[in-house]
N, C-alpha and C. Protein backbone atom coordinates (compact mmCIF):
# COMPACT_ATOMS: atom_id res chain seq x y z
N UNK A 1 4.40 -4.30 -12.72
CA UNK A 1 4.48 -3.57 -11.07
C UNK A 1 6.17 -3.64 -11.11
N UNK A 2 6.76 -2.38 -10.88
CA UNK A 2 7.94 -1.79 -9.87
C UNK A 2 7.63 -1.67 -8.62
N UNK A 3 8.84 -1.75 -8.08
CA UNK A 3 9.00 -1.29 -6.70
C UNK A 3 8.63 0.07 -6.74
N UNK A 4 9.23 0.47 -6.88
CA UNK A 4 8.43 2.27 -7.18
C UNK A 4 7.24 2.90 -7.26
N UNK A 5 6.50 2.01 -7.99
CA UNK A 5 4.72 2.21 -8.25
C UNK A 5 3.86 2.21 -7.39
N UNK A 6 5.01 0.23 -6.59
CA UNK A 6 3.75 -0.24 -5.51
C UNK A 6 4.60 0.42 -4.61
N UNK A 7 5.47 1.75 -4.39
CA UNK A 7 6.23 1.94 -2.97
C UNK A 7 4.72 3.31 -2.67
N UNK A 8 4.88 3.88 -4.17
CA UNK A 8 3.90 5.15 -4.77
C UNK A 8 2.59 4.53 -4.60
N UNK A 9 1.54 3.89 -4.65
CA UNK A 9 1.04 3.30 -4.20
C UNK A 9 0.41 3.10 -3.06
N UNK A 10 1.16 2.50 -2.76
CA UNK A 10 1.20 2.30 -0.37
C UNK A 10 1.07 3.16 0.05
N UNK A 11 2.22 4.28 -0.62
CA UNK A 11 2.09 5.76 0.33
C UNK A 11 0.66 6.78 0.31
N UNK A 12 0.37 6.79 -1.42
CA UNK A 12 -1.07 7.15 -1.18
C UNK A 12 -1.92 6.57 -0.41
N UNK A 13 -2.38 5.16 -0.76
CA UNK A 13 -3.13 4.47 0.23
C UNK A 13 -3.24 4.93 1.57
N UNK A 14 -1.78 4.32 2.03
CA UNK A 14 -1.85 4.71 3.13
C UNK A 14 -2.41 6.20 3.82
N UNK A 15 -2.17 7.18 2.93
CA UNK A 15 -2.43 8.27 3.35
C UNK A 15 -4.00 8.76 3.23
N UNK A 16 -4.57 7.87 3.08
CA UNK A 16 -6.30 7.72 2.57
C UNK A 16 -6.32 8.04 1.67
N UNK A 17 -5.30 8.78 0.37
CA UNK A 17 -5.62 9.42 -0.49
C UNK A 17 -6.19 8.29 -1.72
N UNK A 18 -5.86 7.32 -2.12
CA UNK A 18 -6.66 6.46 -2.74
C UNK A 18 -7.28 5.44 -2.11
N UNK A 19 -8.06 4.67 -2.74
CA UNK A 19 -8.74 3.35 -2.25
C UNK A 19 -7.44 1.92 -2.81
N UNK A 20 -8.10 0.96 -1.76
CA UNK A 20 -6.76 0.04 -2.12
C UNK A 20 -6.97 -0.36 -3.66
N UNK A 21 -8.46 -0.29 -4.39
CA UNK A 21 -8.37 -0.56 -5.64
C UNK A 21 -7.70 0.47 -6.66
N UNK A 22 -8.23 1.27 -6.23
CA UNK A 22 -7.31 2.59 -6.85
C UNK A 22 -5.99 2.46 -7.01
N UNK A 23 -5.25 2.15 -5.61
CA UNK A 23 -3.85 2.32 -5.09
C UNK A 23 -3.21 1.38 -5.89
N UNK A 24 -4.40 0.03 -5.99
CA UNK A 24 -3.81 -1.27 -6.95
C UNK A 24 -3.18 -0.87 -8.77
N UNK A 25 -4.13 -0.10 -8.98
CA UNK A 25 -4.49 0.41 -10.35
C UNK A 25 -3.06 0.96 -10.18
N UNK A 26 -2.96 1.95 -9.58
CA UNK A 26 -2.34 2.57 -9.97
C UNK A 26 -0.40 2.34 -9.96
N UNK A 27 -0.74 0.94 -8.87
CA UNK A 27 1.24 0.36 -8.31
C UNK A 27 1.09 -0.79 -9.38
N UNK A 28 0.13 -0.66 -10.78
CA UNK A 28 0.02 -1.89 -11.66
C UNK A 28 0.14 -3.44 -11.23
N UNK A 29 -1.18 -3.79 -9.96
CA UNK A 29 -0.79 -4.84 -9.71
C UNK A 29 -2.31 -4.78 -9.20
N UNK A 30 -2.62 -6.37 -8.40
CA UNK A 30 -3.91 -6.59 -7.93
C UNK A 30 -3.82 -6.16 -6.86
N UNK A 31 -5.11 -6.07 -6.26
CA UNK A 31 -5.41 -5.62 -4.24
C UNK A 31 -4.65 -6.41 -4.16
N UNK A 32 -4.73 -7.92 -4.25
CA UNK A 32 -4.23 -9.17 -3.14
C UNK A 32 -2.71 -8.38 -2.82
N UNK A 33 -1.80 -8.53 -4.44
CA UNK A 33 -0.70 -8.23 -4.44
C UNK A 33 -0.31 -7.25 -3.55
N UNK A 34 -1.21 -6.00 -3.89
CA UNK A 34 -0.82 -4.64 -2.64
C UNK A 34 -0.88 -5.39 -1.92
N UNK A 35 -2.10 -5.67 -1.04
CA UNK A 35 -2.07 -6.31 0.10
C UNK A 35 -0.91 -6.71 1.00
N UNK A 36 0.00 -7.50 0.37
CA UNK A 36 0.80 -8.72 0.75
C UNK A 36 1.67 -7.64 0.62
N UNK A 37 1.96 -7.00 -0.15
CA UNK A 37 3.25 -5.81 -0.04
C UNK A 37 3.32 -4.94 0.97
N UNK A 38 2.36 -4.42 1.51
CA UNK A 38 1.65 -3.49 2.40
C UNK A 38 1.84 -4.27 3.57
N UNK A 39 1.51 -5.70 3.58
CA UNK A 39 2.37 -6.62 4.59
C UNK A 39 3.86 -6.52 4.77
N UNK A 40 3.96 -6.74 3.89
CA UNK A 40 6.12 -6.80 4.19
C UNK A 40 6.27 -5.67 4.43
N UNK A 41 5.88 -4.51 4.23
CA UNK A 41 6.64 -3.35 4.90
C UNK A 41 6.05 -2.21 5.69
N UNK A 42 4.85 -3.38 6.65
CA UNK A 42 4.45 -2.77 7.80
C UNK A 42 4.91 -2.33 8.53
N UNK A 43 4.57 -1.32 9.58
CA UNK A 43 5.80 -0.71 10.61
C UNK A 43 5.86 -2.39 11.91
N UNK A 44 7.28 -2.12 12.09
CA UNK A 44 7.56 -3.41 13.57
C UNK A 44 6.53 -3.36 14.64
N UNK A 45 6.14 -2.26 14.35
CA UNK A 45 5.55 -1.94 16.10
C UNK A 45 4.82 -2.66 16.27
N UNK A 46 3.75 -3.28 15.11
CA UNK A 46 2.23 -3.78 15.30
C UNK A 46 1.55 -2.63 14.69
N UNK A 47 2.17 -1.63 14.67
CA UNK A 47 0.93 -0.31 15.17
C UNK A 47 0.61 0.20 13.55
N UNK A 48 -0.09 0.59 12.81
CA UNK A 48 -0.90 0.61 11.24
C UNK A 48 -0.69 2.41 11.37
N UNK A 49 -0.41 3.31 10.58
CA UNK A 49 -0.63 3.97 10.04
C UNK A 49 -2.41 5.00 10.71
N UNK A 50 -3.09 4.08 10.47
CA UNK A 50 -4.07 4.75 10.83
C UNK A 50 -4.58 4.61 12.39
N UNK A 51 -3.53 3.79 13.21
CA UNK A 51 -3.42 4.45 14.63
C UNK A 51 -2.69 5.42 14.83
N UNK A 52 -2.77 5.86 14.54
CA UNK A 52 -1.75 7.17 14.82
C UNK A 52 -3.26 8.44 15.37
């Protein structure tokens, strides 16, 4: 799991291109690890990209 692969996976997941499971596979990590990374890089405003 590299930061670049996780970043790419998060981008694709947030764009709703991939499911969480697919994004975890792309990122080379578990869904739990990807969720943790997503929370760490969540927007500071408290809004998720889906709220746009």
